[in-house]
Amino acid sequence: MRTKMRLLGFRGAAVKPLNEEAAAELGAELLGEALVFGVGGLCLYLEYLRQAGQSRRREEHLEQTLSDLRHGLERLQRDLDELRAQGHAQGGAGHAQGSSGHTPTQAVMAAA
């Protein structure tokens, strides 16, 4: 009862002793409320962990996708440089447009 009075903001108030039945009832009520509060707090904590893990996995997936795209872009850039070098070696076909009016990409596609 003293703890309950302190929680309610009463400091130093004189509390007469409770009988055994009232003390047991008050203790059971306090224990029940503590249990509900504890379970609620545990649920919130577990939900936080779930959301944090989900966010971390999403971030890792985005980083992996970005890395794959960068590697693909680098590979395409190397391929383009190789094609331009082949075009220069074949006599000036590496310009933006050849004499036929096709772009280097179209010329490569037609040659394939």
PDB file of N, CA and C in Angstrom:
ATOM      1  N   MET A   1       0.834  -1.188   0.000  1.00  0.00           N
ATOM      2  CA  MET A   1       0.000   0.000   0.000  1.00  0.00           C
ATOM      3  C   MET A   1       0.880   1.254   0.000  1.00  0.00           C
ATOM      4  N   ARG A   2       1.994   1.183   0.757  1.00  0.00           N
ATOM      5  CA  ARG A   2       2.904   2.335   0.768  1.00  0.00           C
ATOM      6  C   ARG A   2       3.468   2.589  -0.634  1.00  0.00           C
ATOM      7  N   THR A   3       3.799   1.520  -1.335  1.00  0.00           N
ATOM      8  CA  THR A   3       4.325   1.657  -2.701  1.00  0.00           C
ATOM      9  C   THR A   3       3.282   2.281  -3.612  1.00  0.00           C
ATOM     10  N   LYS A   4       2.037   1.858  -3.488  1.00  0.00           N
ATOM     11  CA  LYS A   4       0.962   2.409  -4.304  1.00  0.00           C
ATOM     12  C   LYS A   4       0.772   3.887  -4.004  1.00  0.00           C
ATOM     13  N   MET A   5       0.836   4.262  -2.755  1.00  0.00           N
ATOM     14  CA  MET A   5       0.671   5.665  -2.385  1.00  0.00           C
ATOM     15  C   MET A   5       1.831   6.500  -2.927  1.00  0.00           C
ATOM     16  N   ARG A   6       3.044   5.941  -2.911  1.00  0.00           N
ATOM     17  CA  ARG A   6       4.190   6.674  -3.459  1.00  0.00           C
ATOM     18  C   ARG A   6       4.043   6.856  -4.973  1.00  0.00           C
ATOM     19  N   LEU A   7       3.561   5.817  -5.639  1.00  0.00           N
ATOM     20  CA  LEU A   7       3.356   5.913  -7.087  1.00  0.00           C
ATOM     21  C   LEU A   7       2.306   6.960  -7.429  1.00  0.00           C
ATOM     22  N   LEU A   8       1.315   7.117  -6.558  1.00  0.00           N
ATOM     23  CA  LEU A   8       0.266   8.111  -6.783  1.00  0.00           C
ATOM     24  C   LEU A   8       0.711   9.513  -6.388  1.00  0.00           C
ATOM     25  N   GLY A   9       1.890   9.630  -5.792  1.00  0.00           N
ATOM     26  CA  GLY A   9       2.419  10.948  -5.480  1.00  0.00           C
ATOM     27  C   GLY A   9       2.259  11.368  -4.035  1.00  0.00           C
ATOM     28  N   PHE A  10       1.751  10.528  -3.171  1.00  0.00           N
ATOM     29  CA  PHE A  10       1.608  10.861  -1.762  1.00  0.00           C
ATOM     30  C   PHE A  10       2.889  10.480  -1.033  1.00  0.00           C
ATOM     31  N   ARG A  11       3.578  11.474  -0.515  1.00  0.00           N
ATOM     32  CA  ARG A  11       4.829  11.233   0.192  1.00  0.00           C
ATOM     33  C   ARG A  11       4.583  11.359   1.700  1.00  0.00           C
ATOM     34  N   GLY A  12       5.056  10.408   2.437  1.00  0.00           N
ATOM     35  CA  GLY A  12       4.998  10.481   3.887  1.00  0.00           C
ATOM     36  C   GLY A  12       3.609  10.355   4.481  1.00  0.00           C
ATOM     37  N   ALA A  13       2.658   9.914   3.677  1.00  0.00           N
ATOM     38  CA  ALA A  13       1.308   9.761   4.206  1.00  0.00           C
ATOM     39  C   ALA A  13       1.261   8.519   5.087  1.00  0.00           C
ATOM     40  N   ALA A  14       0.588   8.645   6.189  1.00  0.00           N
ATOM     41  CA  ALA A  14       0.473   7.516   7.103  1.00  0.00           C
ATOM     42  C   ALA A  14      -0.527   6.518   6.541  1.00  0.00           C
ATOM     43  N   VAL A  15      -0.099   5.282   6.440  1.00  0.00           N
ATOM     44  CA  VAL A  15      -0.946   4.228   5.893  1.00  0.00           C
ATOM     45  C   VAL A  15      -1.149   3.196   6.986  1.00  0.00           C
ATOM     46  N   LYS A  16      -2.411   2.937   7.280  1.00  0.00           N
ATOM     47  CA  LYS A  16      -2.662   1.911   8.290  1.00  0.00           C
ATOM     48  C   LYS A  16      -2.485   0.530   7.673  1.00  0.00           C
ATOM     49  N   PRO A  17      -2.009  -0.426   8.401  1.00  0.00           N
ATOM     50  CA  PRO A  17      -1.773  -1.765   7.856  1.00  0.00           C
ATOM     51  C   PRO A  17      -3.059  -2.399   7.319  1.00  0.00           C
ATOM     52  N   LEU A  18      -2.893  -3.138   6.225  1.00  0.00           N
ATOM     53  CA  LEU A  18      -4.032  -3.822   5.612  1.00  0.00           C
ATOM     54  C   LEU A  18      -4.200  -5.196   6.243  1.00  0.00           C
ATOM     55  N   ASN A  19      -5.427  -5.686   6.161  1.00  0.00           N
ATOM     56  CA  ASN A  19      -5.612  -7.059   6.633  1.00  0.00           C
ATOM     57  C   ASN A  19      -5.036  -8.013   5.587  1.00  0.00           C
ATOM     58  N   GLU A  20      -4.908  -9.241   5.908  1.00  0.00           N
ATOM     59  CA  GLU A  20      -4.240 -10.218   5.048  1.00  0.00           C
ATOM     60  C   GLU A  20      -4.960 -10.387   3.717  1.00  0.00           C
ATOM     61  N   GLU A  21      -6.263 -10.411   3.720  1.00  0.00           N
ATOM     62  CA  GLU A  21      -7.035 -10.598   2.494  1.00  0.00           C
ATOM     63  C   GLU A  21      -6.858  -9.417   1.537  1.00  0.00           C
ATOM     64  N   ALA A  22      -6.929  -8.200   2.060  1.00  0.00           N
ATOM     65  CA  ALA A  22      -6.775  -7.003   1.226  1.00  0.00           C
ATOM     66  C   ALA A  22      -5.345  -6.918   0.695  1.00  0.00           C
ATOM     67  N   ALA A  23      -4.362  -7.272   1.505  1.00  0.00           N
ATOM     68  CA  ALA A  23      -2.970  -7.243   1.060  1.00  0.00           C
ATOM     69  C   ALA A  23      -2.739  -8.259  -0.052  1.00  0.00           C
ATOM     70  N   ALA A  24      -3.301  -9.459   0.076  1.00  0.00           N
ATOM     71  CA  ALA A  24      -3.159 -10.481  -0.965  1.00  0.00           C
ATOM     72  C   ALA A  24      -3.821 -10.030  -2.259  1.00  0.00           C
ATOM     73  N   GLU A  25      -4.988  -9.419  -2.152  1.00  0.00           N
ATOM     74  CA  GLU A  25      -5.697  -8.940  -3.349  1.00  0.00           C
ATOM     75  C   GLU A  25      -4.912  -7.833  -4.034  1.00  0.00           C
ATOM     76  N   LEU A  26      -4.394  -6.888  -3.259  1.00  0.00           N
ATOM     77  CA  LEU A  26      -3.610  -5.794  -3.816  1.00  0.00           C
ATOM     78  C   LEU A  26      -2.313  -6.321  -4.439  1.00  0.00           C
ATOM     79  N   GLY A  27      -1.678  -7.287  -3.789  1.00  0.00           N
ATOM     80  CA  GLY A  27      -0.464  -7.889  -4.339  1.00  0.00           C
ATOM     81  C   GLY A  27      -0.735  -8.629  -5.632  1.00  0.00           C
ATOM     82  N   ALA A  28      -1.840  -9.344  -5.712  1.00  0.00           N
ATOM     83  CA  ALA A  28      -2.198 -10.062  -6.934  1.00  0.00           C
ATOM     84  C   ALA A  28      -2.485  -9.084  -8.070  1.00  0.00           C
ATOM     85  N   GLU A  29      -3.148  -8.004  -7.748  1.00  0.00           N
ATOM     86  CA  GLU A  29      -3.451  -6.986  -8.760  1.00  0.00           C
ATOM     87  C   GLU A  29      -2.158  -6.356  -9.276  1.00  0.00           C
ATOM     88  N   LEU A  30      -1.254  -6.034  -8.352  1.00  0.00           N
ATOM     89  CA  LEU A  30       0.029  -5.451  -8.736  1.00  0.00           C
ATOM     90  C   LEU A  30       0.835  -6.427  -9.594  1.00  0.00           C
ATOM     91  N   LEU A  31       0.857  -7.684  -9.206  1.00  0.00           N
ATOM     92  CA  LEU A  31       1.571  -8.701  -9.973  1.00  0.00           C
ATOM     93  C   LEU A  31       0.962  -8.870 -11.365  1.00  0.00           C
ATOM     94  N   GLY A  32      -0.352  -8.865 -11.459  1.00  0.00           N
ATOM     95  CA  GLY A  32      -1.027  -8.992 -12.755  1.00  0.00           C
ATOM     96  C   GLY A  32      -0.711  -7.829 -13.674  1.00  0.00           C
ATOM     97  N   GLU A  33      -0.743  -6.612 -13.125  1.00  0.00           N
ATOM     98  CA  GLU A  33      -0.432  -5.433 -13.936  1.00  0.00           C
ATOM     99  C   GLU A  33       1.030  -5.447 -14.377  1.00  0.00           C
ATOM    100  N   ALA A  34       1.930  -5.873 -13.494  1.00  0.00           N
ATOM    101  CA  ALA A  34       3.349  -5.957 -13.860  1.00  0.00           C
ATOM    102  C   ALA A  34       3.551  -6.985 -14.972  1.00  0.00           C
ATOM    103  N   LEU A  35       2.816  -8.085 -14.897  1.00  0.00           N
ATOM    104  CA  LEU A  35       2.924  -9.117 -15.926  1.00  0.00           C
ATOM    105  C   LEU A  35       2.437  -8.596 -17.281  1.00  0.00           C
ATOM    106  N   VAL A  36       1.297  -7.923 -17.285  1.00  0.00           N
ATOM    107  CA  VAL A  36       0.761  -7.366 -18.534  1.00  0.00           C
ATOM    108  C   VAL A  36       1.727  -6.329 -19.102  1.00  0.00           C
ATOM    109  N   PHE A  37       2.244  -5.462 -18.237  1.00  0.00           N
ATOM    110  CA  PHE A  37       3.200  -4.455 -18.685  1.00  0.00           C
ATOM    111  C   PHE A  37       4.460  -5.108 -19.246  1.00  0.00           C
ATOM    112  N   GLY A  38       4.950  -6.136 -18.580  1.00  0.00           N
ATOM    113  CA  GLY A  38       6.149  -6.836 -19.047  1.00  0.00           C
ATOM    114  C   GLY A  38       5.939  -7.502 -20.397  1.00  0.00           C
ATOM    115  N   VAL A  39       4.798  -8.168 -20.574  1.00  0.00           N
ATOM    116  CA  VAL A  39       4.504  -8.826 -21.858  1.00  0.00           C
ATOM    117  C   VAL A  39       4.369  -7.779 -22.966  1.00  0.00           C
ATOM    118  N   GLY A  40       3.713  -6.667 -22.664  1.00  0.00           N
ATOM    119  CA  GLY A  40       3.586  -5.595 -23.659  1.00  0.00           C
ATOM    120  C   GLY A  40       4.945  -5.041 -24.055  1.00  0.00           C
ATOM    121  N   GLY A  41       5.801  -4.810 -23.063  1.00  0.00           N
ATOM    122  CA  GLY A  41       7.148  -4.312 -23.349  1.00  0.00           C
ATOM    123  C   GLY A  41       7.956  -5.303 -24.169  1.00  0.00           C
ATOM    124  N   LEU A  42       7.815  -6.588 -23.845  1.00  0.00           N
ATOM    125  CA  LEU A  42       8.520  -7.620 -24.597  1.00  0.00           C
ATOM    126  C   LEU A  42       8.035  -7.665 -26.047  1.00  0.00           C
ATOM    127  N   CYS A  43       6.736  -7.526 -26.248  1.00  0.00           N
ATOM    128  CA  CYS A  43       6.196  -7.505 -27.619  1.00  0.00           C
ATOM    129  C   CYS A  43       6.742  -6.320 -28.408  1.00  0.00           C
ATOM    130  N   LEU A  44       6.799  -5.160 -27.766  1.00  0.00           N
ATOM    131  CA  LEU A  44       7.348  -3.980 -28.446  1.00  0.00           C
ATOM    132  C   LEU A  44       8.816  -4.185 -28.810  1.00  0.00           C
ATOM    133  N   TYR A  45       9.575  -4.764 -27.886  1.00  0.00           N
ATOM    134  CA  TYR A  45      10.999  -5.005 -28.138  1.00  0.00           C
ATOM    135  C   TYR A  45      11.191  -5.993 -29.288  1.00  0.00           C
ATOM    136  N   LEU A  46      10.421  -7.069 -29.301  1.00  0.00           N
ATOM    137  CA  LEU A  46      10.533  -8.060 -30.374  1.00  0.00           C
ATOM    138  C   LEU A  46      10.129  -7.471 -31.720  1.00  0.00           C
ATOM    139  N   GLU A  47       9.110  -6.625 -31.736  1.00  0.00           N
ATOM    140  CA  GLU A  47       8.696  -5.968 -32.979  1.00  0.00           C
ATOM    141  C   GLU A  47       9.799  -5.034 -33.472  1.00  0.00           C
ATOM    142  N   TYR A  48      10.439  -4.331 -32.550  1.00  0.00           N
ATOM    143  CA  TYR A  48      11.558  -3.461 -32.919  1.00  0.00           C
ATOM    144  C   TYR A  48      12.682  -4.277 -33.558  1.00  0.00           C
ATOM    145  N   LEU A  49      13.024  -5.411 -32.938  1.00  0.00           N
ATOM    146  CA  LEU A  49      14.075  -6.261 -33.502  1.00  0.00           C
ATOM    147  C   LEU A  49      13.706  -6.775 -34.886  1.00  0.00           C
ATOM    148  N   ARG A  50      12.431  -7.142 -35.068  1.00  0.00           N
ATOM    149  CA  ARG A  50      11.976  -7.635 -36.366  1.00  0.00           C
ATOM    150  C   ARG A  50      12.097  -6.549 -37.428  1.00  0.00           C
ATOM    151  N   GLN A  51      11.649  -5.333 -37.084  1.00  0.00           N
ATOM    152  CA  GLN A  51      11.717  -4.230 -38.036  1.00  0.00           C
ATOM    153  C   GLN A  51      13.167  -3.860 -38.355  1.00  0.00           C
ATOM    154  N   ALA A  52      14.034  -3.871 -37.340  1.00  0.00           N
ATOM    155  CA  ALA A  52      15.444  -3.540 -37.567  1.00  0.00           C
ATOM    156  C   ALA A  52      16.094  -4.577 -38.482  1.00  0.00           C
ATOM    157  N   GLY A  53      15.788  -5.857 -38.275  1.00  0.00           N
ATOM    158  CA  GLY A  53      16.324  -6.908 -39.137  1.00  0.00           C
ATOM    159  C   GLY A  53      15.824  -6.785 -40.556  1.00  0.00           C
ATOM    160  N   GLN A  54      14.544  -6.463 -40.692  1.00  0.00           N
ATOM    161  CA  GLN A  54      13.956  -6.303 -42.018  1.00  0.00           C
ATOM    162  C   GLN A  54      14.589  -5.117 -42.742  1.00  0.00           C
ATOM    163  N   SER A  55      14.807  -4.041 -42.022  1.00  0.00           N
ATOM    164  CA  SER A  55      15.432  -2.862 -42.612  1.00  0.00           C
ATOM    165  C   SER A  55      16.869  -3.173 -43.032  1.00  0.00           C
ATOM    166  N   ARG A  56      17.585  -3.906 -42.187  1.00  0.00           N
ATOM    167  CA  ARG A  56      18.966  -4.274 -42.498  1.00  0.00           C
ATOM    168  C   ARG A  56      19.022  -5.161 -43.736  1.00  0.00           C
ATOM    169  N   ARG A  57      18.113  -6.136 -43.830  1.00  0.00           N
ATOM    170  CA  ARG A  57      18.084  -7.017 -45.009  1.00  0.00           C
ATOM    171  C   ARG A  57      17.742  -6.230 -46.275  1.00  0.00           C
ATOM    172  N   ARG A  58      16.814  -5.294 -46.167  1.00  0.00           N
ATOM    173  CA  ARG A  58      16.446  -4.465 -47.316  1.00  0.00           C
ATOM    174  C   ARG A  58      17.646  -3.635 -47.771  1.00  0.00           C
ATOM    175  N   GLU A  59      18.371  -3.063 -46.811  1.00  0.00           N
ATOM    176  CA  GLU A  59      19.547  -2.265 -47.134  1.00  0.00           C
ATOM    177  C   GLU A  59      20.624  -3.120 -47.807  1.00  0.00           C
ATOM    178  N   GLU A  60      20.854  -4.317 -47.292  1.00  0.00           N
ATOM    179  CA  GLU A  60      21.842  -5.216 -47.899  1.00  0.00           C
ATOM    180  C   GLU A  60      21.437  -5.593 -49.316  1.00  0.00           C
ATOM    181  N   HIS A  61      20.143  -5.827 -49.526  1.00  0.00           N
ATOM    182  CA  HIS A  61      19.665  -6.172 -50.866  1.00  0.00           C
ATOM    183  C   HIS A  61      19.891  -5.004 -51.823  1.00  0.00           C
ATOM    184  N   LEU A  62      19.601  -3.780 -51.379  1.00  0.00           N
ATOM    185  CA  LEU A  62      19.814  -2.616 -52.235  1.00  0.00           C
ATOM    186  C   LEU A  62      21.295  -2.417 -52.547  1.00  0.00           C
ATOM    187  N   GLU A  63      22.157  -2.628 -51.550  1.00  0.00           N
ATOM    188  CA  GLU A  63      23.595  -2.508 -51.784  1.00  0.00           C
ATOM    189  C   GLU A  63      24.077  -3.555 -52.777  1.00  0.00           C
ATOM    190  N   GLN A  64      23.563  -4.780 -52.671  1.00  0.00           N
ATOM    191  CA  GLN A  64      23.949  -5.843 -53.602  1.00  0.00           C
ATOM    192  C   GLN A  64      23.482  -5.509 -55.014  1.00  0.00           C
ATOM    193  N   THR A  65      22.260  -5.012 -55.138  1.00  0.00           N
ATOM    194  CA  THR A  65      21.737  -4.630 -56.451  1.00  0.00           C
ATOM    195  C   THR A  65      22.564  -3.515 -57.062  1.00  0.00           C
ATOM    196  N   LEU A  66      22.901  -2.517 -56.248  1.00  0.00           N
ATOM    197  CA  LEU A  66      23.722  -1.415 -56.733  1.00  0.00           C
ATOM    198  C   LEU A  66      25.097  -1.905 -57.163  1.00  0.00           C
ATOM    199  N   SER A  67      25.679  -2.795 -56.401  1.00  0.00           N
ATOM    200  CA  SER A  67      26.984  -3.356 -56.754  1.00  0.00           C
ATOM    201  C   SER A  67      26.903  -4.131 -58.069  1.00  0.00           C
ATOM    202  N   ASP A  68      25.849  -4.926 -58.233  1.00  0.00           N
ATOM    203  CA  ASP A  68      25.664  -5.670 -59.486  1.00  0.00           C
ATOM    204  C   ASP A  68      25.521  -4.721 -60.666  1.00  0.00           C
ATOM    205  N   LEU A  69      24.768  -3.644 -60.469  1.00  0.00           N
ATOM    206  CA  LEU A  69      24.600  -2.674 -61.559  1.00  0.00           C
ATOM    207  C   LEU A  69      25.920  -1.992 -61.901  1.00  0.00           C
ATOM    208  N   ARG A  70      26.723  -1.672 -60.885  1.00  0.00           N
ATOM    209  CA  ARG A  70      28.030  -1.049 -61.149  1.00  0.00           C
ATOM    210  C   ARG A  70      28.936  -1.989 -61.923  1.00  0.00           C
ATOM    211  N   HIS A  71      28.960  -3.269 -61.517  1.00  0.00           N
ATOM    212  CA  HIS A  71      29.786  -4.245 -62.233  1.00  0.00           C
ATOM    213  C   HIS A  71      29.307  -4.410 -63.669  1.00  0.00           C
ATOM    214  N   GLY A  72      27.996  -4.437 -63.862  1.00  0.00           N
ATOM    215  CA  GLY A  72      27.460  -4.539 -65.217  1.00  0.00           C
ATOM    216  C   GLY A  72      27.818  -3.332 -66.062  1.00  0.00           C
ATOM    217  N   LEU A  73      27.756  -2.150 -65.463  1.00  0.00           N
ATOM    218  CA  LEU A  73      28.114  -0.930 -66.181  1.00  0.00           C
ATOM    219  C   LEU A  73      29.598  -0.934 -66.551  1.00  0.00           C
ATOM    220  N   GLU A  74      30.437  -1.373 -65.629  1.00  0.00           N
ATOM    221  CA  GLU A  74      31.869  -1.458 -65.928  1.00  0.00           C
ATOM    222  C   GLU A  74      32.135  -2.448 -67.059  1.00  0.00           C
ATOM    223  N   ARG A  75      31.435  -3.585 -67.047  1.00  0.00           N
ATOM    224  CA  ARG A  75      31.606  -4.577 -68.109  1.00  0.00           C
ATOM    225  C   ARG A  75      31.158  -4.004 -69.449  1.00  0.00           C
ATOM    226  N   LEU A  76      30.029  -3.308 -69.450  1.00  0.00           N
ATOM    227  CA  LEU A  76      29.554  -2.710 -70.692  1.00  0.00           C
ATOM    228  C   LEU A  76      30.509  -1.629 -71.187  1.00  0.00           C
ATOM    229  N   GLN A  77      31.097  -0.871 -70.252  1.00  0.00           N
ATOM    230  CA  GLN A  77      32.056   0.160 -70.645  1.00  0.00           C
ATOM    231  C   GLN A  77      33.294  -0.472 -71.273  1.00  0.00           C
ATOM    232  N   ARG A  78      33.781  -1.587 -70.696  1.00  0.00           N
ATOM    233  CA  ARG A  78      34.930  -2.295 -71.280  1.00  0.00           C
ATOM    234  C   ARG A  78      34.581  -2.826 -72.669  1.00  0.00           C
ATOM    235  N   ASP A  79      33.378  -3.406 -72.804  1.00  0.00           N
ATOM    236  CA  ASP A  79      32.957  -3.927 -74.105  1.00  0.00           C
ATOM    237  C   ASP A  79      32.879  -2.804 -75.133  1.00  0.00           C
ATOM    238  N   LEU A  80      32.363  -1.652 -74.726  1.00  0.00           N
ATOM    239  CA  LEU A  80      32.259  -0.518 -75.634  1.00  0.00           C
ATOM    240  C   LEU A  80      33.644  -0.036 -76.049  1.00  0.00           C
ATOM    241  N   ASP A  81      34.554   0.027 -75.076  1.00  0.00           N
ATOM    242  CA  ASP A  81      35.925   0.441 -75.403  1.00  0.00           C
ATOM    243  C   ASP A  81      36.574  -0.543 -76.372  1.00  0.00           C
ATOM    244  N   GLU A  82      36.339  -1.842 -76.171  1.00  0.00           N
ATOM    245  CA  GLU A  82      36.883  -2.852 -77.078  1.00  0.00           C
ATOM    246  C   GLU A  82      36.298  -2.695 -78.483  1.00  0.00           C
ATOM    247  N   LEU A  83      34.989  -2.456 -78.561  1.00  0.00           N
ATOM    248  CA  LEU A  83      34.355  -2.274 -79.872  1.00  0.00           C
ATOM    249  C   LEU A  83      34.871  -1.029 -80.573  1.00  0.00           C
ATOM    250  N   ARG A  84      35.080   0.027 -79.800  1.00  0.00           N
ATOM    251  CA  ARG A  84      35.630   1.245 -80.409  1.00  0.00           C
ATOM    252  C   ARG A  84      37.045   0.991 -80.912  1.00  0.00           C
ATOM    253  N   ALA A  85      37.827   0.240 -80.134  1.00  0.00           N
ATOM    254  CA  ALA A  85      39.195  -0.070 -80.559  1.00  0.00           C
ATOM    255  C   ALA A  85      39.171  -0.917 -81.826  1.00  0.00           C
ATOM    256  N   GLN A  86      38.233  -1.866 -81.912  1.00  0.00           N
ATOM    257  CA  GLN A  86      38.109  -2.683 -83.124  1.00  0.00           C
ATOM    258  C   GLN A  86      37.690  -1.820 -84.304  1.00  0.00           C
ATOM    259  N   GLY A  87      36.807  -0.870 -84.039  1.00  0.00           N
ATOM    260  CA  GLY A  87      36.359   0.022 -85.117  1.00  0.00           C
ATOM    261  C   GLY A  87      37.494   0.881 -85.633  1.00  0.00           C
ATOM    262  N   HIS A  88      38.318   1.377 -84.727  1.00  0.00           N
ATOM    263  CA  HIS A  88      39.478   2.175 -85.152  1.00  0.00           C
ATOM    264  C   HIS A  88      40.457   1.309 -85.927  1.00  0.00           C
ATOM    265  N   ALA A  89      40.609   0.059 -85.515  1.00  0.00           N
ATOM    266  CA  ALA A  89      41.536  -0.841 -86.192  1.00  0.00           C
ATOM    267  C   ALA A  89      41.027  -1.204 -87.581  1.00  0.00           C
ATOM    268  N   GLN A  90      39.718  -1.169 -87.797  1.00  0.00           N
ATOM    269  CA  GLN A  90      39.157  -1.549 -89.093  1.00  0.00           C
ATOM    270  C   GLN A  90      39.063  -0.364 -90.045  1.00  0.00           C
ATOM    271  N   GLY A  91      39.573   0.768 -89.639  1.00  0.00           N
ATOM    272  CA  GLY A  91      39.642   1.868 -90.591  1.00  0.00           C
ATOM    273  C   GLY A  91      38.666   2.992 -90.336  1.00  0.00           C
ATOM    274  N   GLY A  92      38.540   3.430 -89.130  1.00  0.00           N
ATOM    275  CA  GLY A  92      37.772   4.632 -88.872  1.00  0.00           C
ATOM    276  C   GLY A  92      36.300   4.420 -88.656  1.00  0.00           C
ATOM    277  N   ALA A  93      35.840   3.216 -88.452  1.00  0.00           N
ATOM    278  CA  ALA A  93      34.417   2.988 -88.214  1.00  0.00           C
ATOM    279  C   ALA A  93      34.033   3.309 -86.783  1.00  0.00           C
ATOM    280  N   GLY A  94      34.937   3.808 -85.993  1.00  0.00           N
ATOM    281  CA  GLY A  94      34.661   4.104 -84.593  1.00  0.00           C
ATOM    282  C   GLY A  94      34.074   5.484 -84.372  1.00  0.00           C
ATOM    283  N   HIS A  95      33.830   6.234 -85.481  1.00  0.00           N
ATOM    284  CA  HIS A  95      33.212   7.549 -85.323  1.00  0.00           C
ATOM    285  C   HIS A  95      31.761   7.386 -84.915  1.00  0.00           C
ATOM    286  N   ALA A  96      31.125   8.489 -84.563  1.00  0.00           N
ATOM    287  CA  ALA A  96      29.740   8.432 -84.089  1.00  0.00           C
ATOM    288  C   ALA A  96      28.838   7.797 -85.136  1.00  0.00           C
ATOM    289  N   GLN A  97      29.069   8.137 -86.436  1.00  0.00           N
ATOM    290  CA  GLN A  97      28.313   7.485 -87.503  1.00  0.00           C
ATOM    291  C   GLN A  97      29.270   7.194 -88.648  1.00  0.00           C
ATOM    292  N   GLY A  98      29.103   6.046 -89.221  1.00  0.00           N
ATOM    293  CA  GLY A  98      29.934   5.683 -90.365  1.00  0.00           C
ATOM    294  C   GLY A  98      29.321   6.233 -91.632  1.00  0.00           C
ATOM    295  N   SER A  99      29.859   5.810 -92.752  1.00  0.00           N
ATOM    296  CA  SER A  99      29.365   6.324 -94.028  1.00  0.00           C
ATOM    297  C   SER A  99      27.973   5.804 -94.336  1.00  0.00           C
ATOM    298  N   SER A 100      27.561   4.689 -93.710  1.00  0.00           N
ATOM    299  CA  SER A 100      26.232   4.160 -93.990  1.00  0.00           C
ATOM    300  C   SER A 100      25.152   4.829 -93.150  1.00  0.00           C
ATOM    301  N   GLY A 101      25.537   5.678 -92.172  1.00  0.00           N
ATOM    302  CA  GLY A 101      24.556   6.376 -91.358  1.00  0.00           C
ATOM    303  C   GLY A 101      24.158   5.599 -90.114  1.00  0.00           C
ATOM    304  N   HIS A 102      24.767   4.466 -89.881  1.00  0.00           N
ATOM    305  CA  HIS A 102      24.460   3.666 -88.697  1.00  0.00           C
ATOM    306  C   HIS A 102      25.376   4.083 -87.544  1.00  0.00           C
ATOM    307  N   THR A 103      24.867   3.963 -86.348  1.00  0.00           N
ATOM    308  CA  THR A 103      25.710   4.203 -85.171  1.00  0.00           C
ATOM    309  C   THR A 103      26.581   2.991 -84.956  1.00  0.00           C
ATOM    310  N   PRO A 104      27.659   3.082 -84.176  1.00  0.00           N
ATOM    311  CA  PRO A 104      28.539   1.916 -83.942  1.00  0.00           C
ATOM    312  C   PRO A 104      27.773   0.728 -83.370  1.00  0.00           C
ATOM    313  N   THR A 105      26.801   0.977 -82.525  1.00  0.00           N
ATOM    314  CA  THR A 105      26.028  -0.109 -81.945  1.00  0.00           C
ATOM    315  C   THR A 105      25.241  -0.841 -83.030  1.00  0.00           C
ATOM    316  N   GLN A 106      24.643  -0.085 -83.931  1.00  0.00           N
ATOM    317  CA  GLN A 106      23.884  -0.723 -85.022  1.00  0.00           C
ATOM    318  C   GLN A 106      24.805  -1.481 -85.942  1.00  0.00           C
ATOM    319  N   ALA A 107      26.006  -0.966 -86.168  1.00  0.00           N
ATOM    320  CA  ALA A 107      26.967  -1.639 -87.041  1.00  0.00           C
ATOM    321  C   ALA A 107      27.398  -2.946 -86.406  1.00  0.00           C
ATOM    322  N   VAL A 108      27.598  -2.954 -85.093  1.00  0.00           N
ATOM    323  CA  VAL A 108      28.001  -4.172 -84.398  1.00  0.00           C
ATOM    324  C   VAL A 108      26.862  -5.186 -84.458  1.00  0.00           C
ATOM    325  N   MET A 109      25.637  -4.723 -84.241  1.00  0.00           N
ATOM    326  CA  MET A 109      24.472  -5.630 -84.275  1.00  0.00           C
ATOM    327  C   MET A 109      24.314  -6.216 -85.679  1.00  0.00           C
ATOM    328  N   ALA A 110      24.554  -5.412 -86.714  1.00  0.00           N
ATOM    329  CA  ALA A 110      24.414  -5.909 -88.076  1.00  0.00           C
ATOM    330  C   ALA A 110      25.522  -6.897 -88.409  1.00  0.00           C
ATOM    331  N   ALA A 111      26.718  -6.680 -87.859  1.00  0.00           N
ATOM    332  CA  ALA A 111      27.833  -7.573 -88.105  1.00  0.00           C
ATOM    333  C   ALA A 111      27.630  -8.910 -87.395  1.00  0.00           C
ATOM    334  N   ALA A 112      26.909  -8.887 -86.296  1.00  0.00           N
ATOM    335  CA  ALA A 112      26.673 -10.133 -85.551  1.00  0.00           C
ATOM    336  C   ALA A 112      25.649 -10.909 -86.264  1.00  0.00           C
TER     337      ALA A 112
END
